[in-house]
PDB file of N, CA and C in Angstrom:
ATOM      1  N   MET A   1      72.809 -34.173 -91.300  1.00  0.00           N
ATOM      2  CA  MET A   1      72.302 -33.242 -89.726  1.00  0.00           C
ATOM      3  C   MET A   1      72.932 -32.152 -90.233  1.00  0.00           C
ATOM      4  N   ASP A   2      71.762 -30.889 -90.287  1.00  0.00           N
ATOM      5  CA  ASP A   2      73.224 -29.425 -89.990  1.00  0.00           C
ATOM      6  C   ASP A   2      72.428 -29.148 -88.199  1.00  0.00           C
ATOM      7  N   HIS A   3      73.610 -28.672 -87.545  1.00  0.00           N
ATOM      8  CA  HIS A   3      73.943 -28.668 -86.206  1.00  0.00           C
ATOM      9  C   HIS A   3      72.905 -27.148 -86.033  1.00  0.00           C
ATOM     10  N   ASP A   4      72.271 -27.052 -85.173  1.00  0.00           N
ATOM     11  CA  ASP A   4      71.582 -25.934 -84.652  1.00  0.00           C
ATOM     12  C   ASP A   4      72.165 -24.779 -83.739  1.00  0.00           C
ATOM     13  N   PRO A   5      72.541 -23.289 -84.600  1.00  0.00           N
ATOM     14  CA  PRO A   5      73.254 -22.419 -83.587  1.00  0.00           C
ATOM     15  C   PRO A   5      72.671 -21.970 -83.167  1.00  0.00           C
ATOM     16  N   ARG A   6      71.530 -22.571 -82.307  1.00  0.00           N
ATOM     17  CA  ARG A   6      70.347 -21.828 -81.541  1.00  0.00           C
ATOM     18  C   ARG A   6      71.479 -23.094 -79.825  1.00  0.00           C
ATOM     19  N   PRO A   7      70.770 -22.219 -78.969  1.00  0.00           N
ATOM     20  CA  PRO A   7      71.323 -22.710 -77.450  1.00  0.00           C
ATOM     21  C   PRO A   7      70.089 -23.184 -76.338  1.00  0.00           C
ATOM     22  N   ARG A   8      69.822 -24.933 -76.107  1.00  0.00           N
ATOM     23  CA  ARG A   8      68.407 -25.410 -75.472  1.00  0.00           C
ATOM     24  C   ARG A   8      68.653 -24.782 -74.681  1.00  0.00           C
ATOM     25  N   VAL A   9      67.666 -24.734 -74.919  1.00  0.00           N
ATOM     26  CA  VAL A   9      67.165 -24.455 -73.494  1.00  0.00           C
ATOM     27  C   VAL A   9      67.217 -25.992 -71.669  1.00  0.00           C
ATOM     28  N   TYR A  10      67.736 -25.540 -70.738  1.00  0.00           N
ATOM     29  CA  TYR A  10      67.909 -26.365 -70.425  1.00  0.00           C
ATOM     30  C   TYR A  10      66.786 -27.426 -69.811  1.00  0.00           C
ATOM     31  N   GLY A  11      67.197 -28.617 -69.073  1.00  0.00           N
ATOM     32  CA  GLY A  11      66.631 -29.296 -69.571  1.00  0.00           C
ATOM     33  C   GLY A  11      65.556 -30.204 -70.070  1.00  0.00           C
ATOM     34  N   SER A  12      65.956 -29.478 -71.493  1.00  0.00           N
ATOM     35  CA  SER A  12      64.820 -30.487 -72.698  1.00  0.00           C
ATOM     36  C   SER A  12      65.699 -31.909 -73.145  1.00  0.00           C
ATOM     37  N   ASP A  13      65.087 -32.309 -73.142  1.00  0.00           N
ATOM     38  CA  ASP A  13      65.679 -33.614 -74.594  1.00  0.00           C
ATOM     39  C   ASP A  13      66.341 -34.044 -75.535  1.00  0.00           C
ATOM     40  N   HIS A  14      67.211 -34.200 -75.509  1.00  0.00           N
ATOM     41  CA  HIS A  14      67.992 -34.561 -76.540  1.00  0.00           C
ATOM     42  C   HIS A  14      67.504 -34.892 -77.317  1.00  0.00           C
ATOM     43  N   ASP A  15      66.661 -35.409 -77.832  1.00  0.00           N
ATOM     44  CA  ASP A  15      65.363 -35.718 -78.808  1.00  0.00           C
ATOM     45  C   ASP A  15      63.615 -34.850 -78.919  1.00  0.00           C
ATOM     46  N   ASP A  16      63.909 -33.511 -78.182  1.00  0.00           N
ATOM     47  CA  ASP A  16      62.974 -32.923 -78.023  1.00  0.00           C
ATOM     48  C   ASP A  16      62.946 -32.060 -79.654  1.00  0.00           C
ATOM     49  N   PRO A  17      61.633 -31.964 -79.561  1.00  0.00           N
ATOM     50  CA  PRO A  17      61.958 -31.433 -81.302  1.00  0.00           C
ATOM     51  C   PRO A  17      62.175 -30.206 -81.286  1.00  0.00           C
ATOM     52  N   ALA A  18      61.513 -29.314 -79.850  1.00  0.00           N
ATOM     53  CA  ALA A  18      61.361 -27.483 -80.381  1.00  0.00           C
ATOM     54  C   ALA A  18      62.451 -27.761 -78.830  1.00  0.00           C
ATOM     55  N   PRO A  19      63.964 -27.864 -78.192  1.00  0.00           N
ATOM     56  CA  PRO A  19      64.390 -27.627 -77.583  1.00  0.00           C
ATOM     57  C   PRO A  19      65.328 -26.152 -77.435  1.00  0.00           C
ATOM     58  N   HIS A  20      64.505 -25.178 -78.292  1.00  0.00           N
ATOM     59  CA  HIS A  20      64.544 -23.884 -78.105  1.00  0.00           C
ATOM     60  C   HIS A  20      64.524 -22.488 -77.074  1.00  0.00           C
ATOM     61  N   ALA A  21      64.536 -21.532 -77.601  1.00  0.00           N
ATOM     62  CA  ALA A  21      64.128 -20.598 -76.856  1.00  0.00           C
ATOM     63  C   ALA A  21      62.192 -20.607 -76.852  1.00  0.00           C
ATOM     64  N   GLU A  22      61.693 -20.298 -76.243  1.00  0.00           N
ATOM     65  CA  GLU A  22      60.194 -19.546 -76.429  1.00  0.00           C
ATOM     66  C   GLU A  22      59.919 -18.423 -76.392  1.00  0.00           C
ATOM     67  N   PRO A  23      58.784 -17.994 -77.384  1.00  0.00           N
ATOM     68  CA  PRO A  23      58.090 -16.549 -77.156  1.00  0.00           C
ATOM     69  C   PRO A  23      58.023 -16.028 -75.983  1.00  0.00           C
ATOM     70  N   GLY A  24      57.359 -15.580 -74.979  1.00  0.00           N
ATOM     71  CA  GLY A  24      56.889 -15.401 -73.695  1.00  0.00           C
ATOM     72  C   GLY A  24      57.402 -15.429 -72.903  1.00  0.00           C
ATOM     73  N   HIS A  25      58.492 -16.413 -72.642  1.00  0.00           N
ATOM     74  CA  HIS A  25      59.451 -17.193 -71.627  1.00  0.00           C
ATOM     75  C   HIS A  25      60.701 -15.881 -71.445  1.00  0.00           C
ATOM     76  N   GLU A  26      61.011 -15.663 -70.191  1.00  0.00           N
ATOM     77  CA  GLU A  26      62.066 -15.797 -70.238  1.00  0.00           C
ATOM     78  C   GLU A  26      63.048 -16.102 -70.007  1.00  0.00           C
ATOM     79  N   TYR A  27      64.309 -16.027 -70.019  1.00  0.00           N
ATOM     80  CA  TYR A  27      65.996 -16.327 -70.127  1.00  0.00           C
ATOM     81  C   TYR A  27      67.286 -16.344 -69.885  1.00  0.00           C
ATOM     82  N   VAL A  28      68.243 -17.291 -68.444  1.00  0.00           N
ATOM     83  CA  VAL A  28      69.210 -16.283 -68.670  1.00  0.00           C
ATOM     84  C   VAL A  28      70.367 -17.354 -69.215  1.00  0.00           C
ATOM     85  N   VAL A  29      71.359 -16.809 -69.237  1.00  0.00           N
ATOM     86  CA  VAL A  29      72.136 -17.822 -70.147  1.00  0.00           C
ATOM     87  C   VAL A  29      73.378 -18.204 -69.074  1.00  0.00           C
ATOM     88  N   LEU A  30      73.204 -19.508 -69.308  1.00  0.00           N
ATOM     89  CA  LEU A  30      74.470 -20.022 -68.476  1.00  0.00           C
ATOM     90  C   LEU A  30      75.860 -19.929 -68.826  1.00  0.00           C
ATOM     91  N   ALA A  31      76.392 -19.566 -67.898  1.00  0.00           N
ATOM     92  CA  ALA A  31      78.075 -19.452 -68.408  1.00  0.00           C
ATOM     93  C   ALA A  31      79.144 -20.093 -67.460  1.00  0.00           C
ATOM     94  N   GLY A  32      79.871 -21.007 -68.418  1.00  0.00           N
ATOM     95  CA  GLY A  32      81.060 -21.416 -67.496  1.00  0.00           C
ATOM     96  C   GLY A  32      80.158 -22.555 -67.322  1.00  0.00           C
ATOM     97  N   GLY A  33      81.261 -24.238 -66.836  1.00  0.00           N
ATOM     98  CA  GLY A  33      80.753 -25.296 -66.081  1.00  0.00           C
ATOM     99  C   GLY A  33      79.955 -26.177 -66.992  1.00  0.00           C
ATOM    100  N   PRO A  34      79.476 -27.321 -66.993  1.00  0.00           N
ATOM    101  CA  PRO A  34      78.883 -28.764 -67.463  1.00  0.00           C
ATOM    102  C   PRO A  34      77.716 -27.636 -68.823  1.00  0.00           C
ATOM    103  N   LEU A  35      76.877 -26.345 -67.714  1.00  0.00           N
ATOM    104  CA  LEU A  35      75.575 -26.005 -68.646  1.00  0.00           C
ATOM    105  C   LEU A  35      75.440 -24.854 -69.419  1.00  0.00           C
ATOM    106  N   ASP A  36      77.373 -25.068 -70.109  1.00  0.00           N
ATOM    107  CA  ASP A  36      77.651 -23.384 -70.460  1.00  0.00           C
ATOM    108  C   ASP A  36      76.974 -23.356 -72.135  1.00  0.00           C
ATOM    109  N   GLY A  37      76.826 -22.554 -71.813  1.00  0.00           N
ATOM    110  CA  GLY A  37      76.089 -22.197 -73.198  1.00  0.00           C
ATOM    111  C   GLY A  37      73.786 -21.845 -73.493  1.00  0.00           C
ATOM    112  N   GLN A  38      73.902 -23.248 -72.135  1.00  0.00           N
ATOM    113  CA  GLN A  38      72.483 -23.498 -72.323  1.00  0.00           C
ATOM    114  C   GLN A  38      71.522 -23.030 -71.902  1.00  0.00           C
ATOM    115  N   LEU A  39      70.155 -21.853 -71.707  1.00  0.00           N
ATOM    116  CA  LEU A  39      69.296 -21.122 -71.090  1.00  0.00           C
ATOM    117  C   LEU A  39      68.861 -21.721 -70.456  1.00  0.00           C
ATOM    118  N   LEU A  40      68.381 -21.174 -69.011  1.00  0.00           N
ATOM    119  CA  LEU A  40      67.412 -21.336 -68.300  1.00  0.00           C
ATOM    120  C   LEU A  40      66.148 -20.792 -68.303  1.00  0.00           C
ATOM    121  N   ASP A  41      65.241 -21.223 -67.803  1.00  0.00           N
ATOM    122  CA  ASP A  41      64.066 -20.583 -68.302  1.00  0.00           C
ATOM    123  C   ASP A  41      63.236 -20.211 -66.705  1.00  0.00           C
ATOM    124  N   VAL A  42      63.229 -18.758 -66.276  1.00  0.00           N
ATOM    125  CA  VAL A  42      63.351 -18.572 -65.241  1.00  0.00           C
ATOM    126  C   VAL A  42      61.769 -17.372 -64.821  1.00  0.00           C
ATOM    127  N   THR A  43      60.973 -17.517 -66.092  1.00  0.00           N
ATOM    128  CA  THR A  43      60.103 -17.486 -66.887  1.00  0.00           C
ATOM    129  C   THR A  43      58.861 -17.947 -65.401  1.00  0.00           C
ATOM    130  N   GLY A  44      58.221 -16.461 -64.577  1.00  0.00           N
ATOM    131  CA  GLY A  44      57.352 -16.886 -63.490  1.00  0.00           C
ATOM    132  C   GLY A  44      58.417 -16.469 -62.043  1.00  0.00           C
ATOM    133  N   TRP A  45      59.871 -16.668 -62.036  1.00  0.00           N
ATOM    134  CA  TRP A  45      61.079 -16.437 -60.864  1.00  0.00           C
ATOM    135  C   TRP A  45      60.125 -15.606 -60.671  1.00  0.00           C
ATOM    136  N   THR A  46      60.440 -15.131 -58.731  1.00  0.00           N
ATOM    137  CA  THR A  46      60.061 -14.479 -58.365  1.00  0.00           C
ATOM    138  C   THR A  46      61.690 -13.493 -57.895  1.00  0.00           C
ATOM    139  N   ALA A  47      61.829 -11.887 -58.034  1.00  0.00           N
ATOM    140  CA  ALA A  47      62.923 -10.987 -58.099  1.00  0.00           C
ATOM    141  C   ALA A  47      64.362 -12.248 -56.628  1.00  0.00           C
ATOM    142  N   ALA A  48      63.245 -12.936 -55.526  1.00  0.00           N
ATOM    143  CA  ALA A  48      64.173 -13.782 -54.384  1.00  0.00           C
ATOM    144  C   ALA A  48      64.688 -14.991 -54.864  1.00  0.00           C
ATOM    145  N   ASP A  49      63.950 -15.892 -55.704  1.00  0.00           N
ATOM    146  CA  ASP A  49      64.511 -17.019 -56.795  1.00  0.00           C
ATOM    147  C   ASP A  49      65.471 -16.320 -57.540  1.00  0.00           C
ATOM    148  N   ARG A  50      65.838 -15.431 -58.660  1.00  0.00           N
ATOM    149  CA  ARG A  50      66.583 -15.187 -59.545  1.00  0.00           C
ATOM    150  C   ARG A  50      67.539 -15.407 -58.477  1.00  0.00           C
ATOM    151  N   ALA A  51      67.924 -14.579 -57.158  1.00  0.00           N
ATOM    152  CA  ALA A  51      69.170 -13.359 -56.292  1.00  0.00           C
ATOM    153  C   ALA A  51      70.088 -15.174 -56.132  1.00  0.00           C
ATOM    154  N   ASP A  52      69.419 -15.914 -55.291  1.00  0.00           N
ATOM    155  CA  ASP A  52      69.321 -17.044 -55.351  1.00  0.00           C
ATOM    156  C   ASP A  52      70.517 -17.727 -55.815  1.00  0.00           C
ATOM    157  N   GLY A  53      69.838 -18.028 -57.330  1.00  0.00           N
ATOM    158  CA  GLY A  53      70.895 -19.142 -57.990  1.00  0.00           C
ATOM    159  C   GLY A  53      69.658 -19.603 -58.431  1.00  0.00           C
ATOM    160  N   ALA A  54      70.757 -21.384 -58.656  1.00  0.00           N
ATOM    161  CA  ALA A  54      70.311 -22.940 -58.818  1.00  0.00           C
ATOM    162  C   ALA A  54      71.753 -23.951 -58.952  1.00  0.00           C
ATOM    163  N   ALA A  55      70.487 -25.167 -58.085  1.00  0.00           N
ATOM    164  CA  ALA A  55      71.594 -25.557 -58.317  1.00  0.00           C
ATOM    165  C   ALA A  55      70.793 -26.858 -59.448  1.00  0.00           C
ATOM    166  N   LEU A  56      71.985 -27.145 -60.580  1.00  0.00           N
ATOM    167  CA  LEU A  56      70.930 -27.659 -61.583  1.00  0.00           C
ATOM    168  C   LEU A  56      71.421 -28.949 -62.168  1.00  0.00           C
ATOM    169  N   ILE A  57      70.726 -30.072 -61.678  1.00  0.00           N
ATOM    170  CA  ILE A  57      70.569 -31.281 -62.164  1.00  0.00           C
ATOM    171  C   ILE A  57      71.898 -31.494 -63.586  1.00  0.00           C
ATOM    172  N   THR A  58      72.953 -32.243 -63.345  1.00  0.00           N
ATOM    173  CA  THR A  58      73.456 -32.561 -64.502  1.00  0.00           C
ATOM    174  C   THR A  58      74.381 -33.740 -64.492  1.00  0.00           C
ATOM    175  N   GLU A  59      74.606 -34.337 -65.443  1.00  0.00           N
ATOM    176  CA  GLU A  59      74.761 -35.981 -65.594  1.00  0.00           C
ATOM    177  C   GLU A  59      76.490 -35.105 -65.956  1.00  0.00           C
ATOM    178  N   TYR A  60      76.853 -34.155 -66.546  1.00  0.00           N
ATOM    179  CA  TYR A  60      77.409 -33.703 -66.660  1.00  0.00           C
ATOM    180  C   TYR A  60      79.450 -32.837 -65.944  1.00  0.00           C
ATOM    181  N   GLY A  61      79.218 -32.822 -64.329  1.00  0.00           N
ATOM    182  CA  GLY A  61      79.488 -32.251 -63.267  1.00  0.00           C
ATOM    183  C   GLY A  61      80.549 -33.106 -62.692  1.00  0.00           C
ATOM    184  N   VAL A  62      80.941 -33.094 -62.326  1.00  0.00           N
ATOM    185  CA  VAL A  62      82.101 -33.309 -61.640  1.00  0.00           C
ATOM    186  C   VAL A  62      82.028 -35.300 -60.612  1.00  0.00           C
ATOM    187  N   TYR A  63      80.717 -34.717 -60.323  1.00  0.00           N
ATOM    188  CA  TYR A  63      79.636 -35.534 -59.301  1.00  0.00           C
ATOM    189  C   TYR A  63      79.192 -36.851 -60.110  1.00  0.00           C
ATOM    190  N   GLY A  64      79.384 -36.181 -61.082  1.00  0.00           N
ATOM    191  CA  GLY A  64      78.497 -37.761 -62.872  1.00  0.00           C
ATOM    192  C   GLY A  64      76.936 -37.256 -61.826  1.00  0.00           C
ATOM    193  N   PRO A  65      76.749 -38.147 -62.746  1.00  0.00           N
ATOM    194  CA  PRO A  65      75.107 -38.339 -63.496  1.00  0.00           C
ATOM    195  C   PRO A  65      74.176 -38.088 -61.727  1.00  0.00           C
ATOM    196  N   GLY A  66      73.564 -36.809 -61.111  1.00  0.00           N
ATOM    197  CA  GLY A  66      72.682 -37.147 -60.368  1.00  0.00           C
ATOM    198  C   GLY A  66      73.606 -34.876 -59.634  1.00  0.00           C
ATOM    199  N   GLY A  67      74.309 -35.502 -59.901  1.00  0.00           N
ATOM    200  CA  GLY A  67      75.047 -34.710 -59.265  1.00  0.00           C
ATOM    201  C   GLY A  67      74.709 -32.544 -59.251  1.00  0.00           C
ATOM    202  N   ARG A  68      74.676 -32.208 -59.148  1.00  0.00           N
ATOM    203  CA  ARG A  68      74.102 -30.699 -60.071  1.00  0.00           C
ATOM    204  C   ARG A  68      75.453 -29.483 -59.867  1.00  0.00           C
ATOM    205  N   ALA A  69      75.437 -28.689 -60.699  1.00  0.00           N
ATOM    206  CA  ALA A  69      76.069 -27.314 -61.252  1.00  0.00           C
ATOM    207  C   ALA A  69      75.625 -26.504 -60.790  1.00  0.00           C
ATOM    208  N   THR A  70      76.430 -25.271 -59.444  1.00  0.00           N
ATOM    209  CA  THR A  70      75.290 -24.150 -59.161  1.00  0.00           C
ATOM    210  C   THR A  70      75.496 -23.321 -60.049  1.00  0.00           C
ATOM    211  N   TYR A  71      74.822 -22.131 -60.197  1.00  0.00           N
ATOM    212  CA  TYR A  71      74.966 -21.223 -61.281  1.00  0.00           C
ATOM    213  C   TYR A  71      74.979 -19.915 -59.803  1.00  0.00           C
ATOM    214  N   GLU A  72      75.238 -18.655 -60.721  1.00  0.00           N
ATOM    215  CA  GLU A  72      73.947 -17.737 -59.852  1.00  0.00           C
ATOM    216  C   GLU A  72      75.043 -16.004 -60.655  1.00  0.00           C
ATOM    217  N   PRO A  73      73.366 -15.303 -60.654  1.00  0.00           N
ATOM    218  CA  PRO A  73      73.548 -14.094 -61.296  1.00  0.00           C
ATOM    219  C   PRO A  73      75.081 -14.093 -61.328  1.00  0.00           C
ATOM    220  N   ASP A  74      75.187 -13.029 -62.490  1.00  0.00           N
ATOM    221  CA  ASP A  74      76.300 -11.846 -63.081  1.00  0.00           C
ATOM    222  C   ASP A  74      75.976 -10.550 -62.127  1.00  0.00           C
ATOM    223  N   PRO A  75      76.288  -9.800 -60.937  1.00  0.00           N
ATOM    224  CA  PRO A  75      75.901  -8.238 -61.043  1.00  0.00           C
ATOM    225  C   PRO A  75      76.164  -7.938 -62.133  1.00  0.00           C
ATOM    226  N   ALA A  76      76.999  -8.040 -62.536  1.00  0.00           N
ATOM    227  CA  ALA A  76      77.709  -6.835 -64.610  1.00  0.00           C
ATOM    228  C   ALA A  76      76.311  -7.706 -65.341  1.00  0.00           C
ATOM    229  N   MET A  77      75.941  -8.427 -65.079  1.00  0.00           N
ATOM    230  CA  MET A  77      75.243  -9.040 -66.649  1.00  0.00           C
ATOM    231  C   MET A  77      73.731  -9.917 -65.838  1.00  0.00           C
ATOM    232  N   PRO A  78      72.316  -8.826 -66.028  1.00  0.00           N
ATOM    233  CA  PRO A  78      71.553  -9.557 -65.153  1.00  0.00           C
ATOM    234  C   PRO A  78      70.555 -11.178 -65.936  1.00  0.00           C
ATOM    235  N   ASP A  79      71.283 -11.105 -67.527  1.00  0.00           N
ATOM    236  CA  ASP A  79      70.431 -11.868 -68.667  1.00  0.00           C
ATOM    237  C   ASP A  79      71.632 -13.445 -68.217  1.00  0.00           C
ATOM    238  N   ARG A  80      72.978 -12.954 -66.969  1.00  0.00           N
ATOM    239  CA  ARG A  80      73.833 -14.273 -67.954  1.00  0.00           C
ATOM    240  C   ARG A  80      73.840 -15.076 -66.406  1.00  0.00           C
ATOM    241  N   TRP A  81      74.092 -15.915 -66.440  1.00  0.00           N
ATOM    242  CA  TRP A  81      74.553 -16.790 -64.588  1.00  0.00           C
ATOM    243  C   TRP A  81      75.761 -17.032 -65.090  1.00  0.00           C
ATOM    244  N   ALA A  82      76.801 -17.778 -64.209  1.00  0.00           N
ATOM    245  CA  ALA A  82      77.913 -17.646 -64.344  1.00  0.00           C
ATOM    246  C   ALA A  82      78.262 -18.995 -63.250  1.00  0.00           C
ATOM    247  N   TRP A  83      78.541 -20.294 -63.266  1.00  0.00           N
ATOM    248  CA  TRP A  83      79.283 -22.039 -63.120  1.00  0.00           C
ATOM    249  C   TRP A  83      79.812 -21.325 -61.393  1.00  0.00           C
ATOM    250  N   ARG A  84      79.569 -21.133 -60.011  1.00  0.00           N
ATOM    251  CA  ARG A  84      80.058 -21.556 -59.602  1.00  0.00           C
ATOM    252  C   ARG A  84      80.765 -22.917 -58.803  1.00  0.00           C
ATOM    253  N   GLY A  85      80.230 -23.695 -59.423  1.00  0.00           N
ATOM    254  CA  GLY A  85      81.080 -24.882 -58.989  1.00  0.00           C
ATOM    255  C   GLY A  85      80.590 -26.521 -58.972  1.00  0.00           C
ATOM    256  N   ASP A  86      81.029 -27.369 -58.841  1.00  0.00           N
ATOM    257  CA  ASP A  86      79.575 -28.862 -58.357  1.00  0.00           C
ATOM    258  C   ASP A  86      79.830 -29.844 -57.321  1.00  0.00           C
ATOM    259  N   THR A  87      78.677 -29.711 -56.903  1.00  0.00           N
ATOM    260  CA  THR A  87      78.312 -29.928 -55.764  1.00  0.00           C
ATOM    261  C   THR A  87      77.186 -31.430 -55.964  1.00  0.00           C
ATOM    262  N   PRO A  88      77.558 -32.103 -54.661  1.00  0.00           N
ATOM    263  CA  PRO A  88      76.641 -33.624 -55.365  1.00  0.00           C
ATOM    264  C   PRO A  88      75.096 -33.961 -55.127  1.00  0.00           C
TER     265      PRO A  88
END
C-alpha cells in the first residue's frame, strides 16, 4: 500500500476511504503537538469561533485517550493553528 502524502482531516476514521480535504470546505492546518499536520474543517465557523481556537480530543496527547490538545490561530498565518499544550 502506498502512503498518501495528502494531510488527513481531523476526526476522520483511519479506515475512511476519503479522509482528505473536500472541495467547498475551509480548513486550517494544525501545527505542532499530537495532531501536527492534520487539517481542521472550520467551514461555517464564525470569526469569533475561529479566534477562540479549539481543544481537540486526541488519544496521543499527554493525557492519553480522551485528553485534548489545544490549538490557537497563528496571527502571522491565518490558515495555521499552533499547538499550545494538552489538557485533560
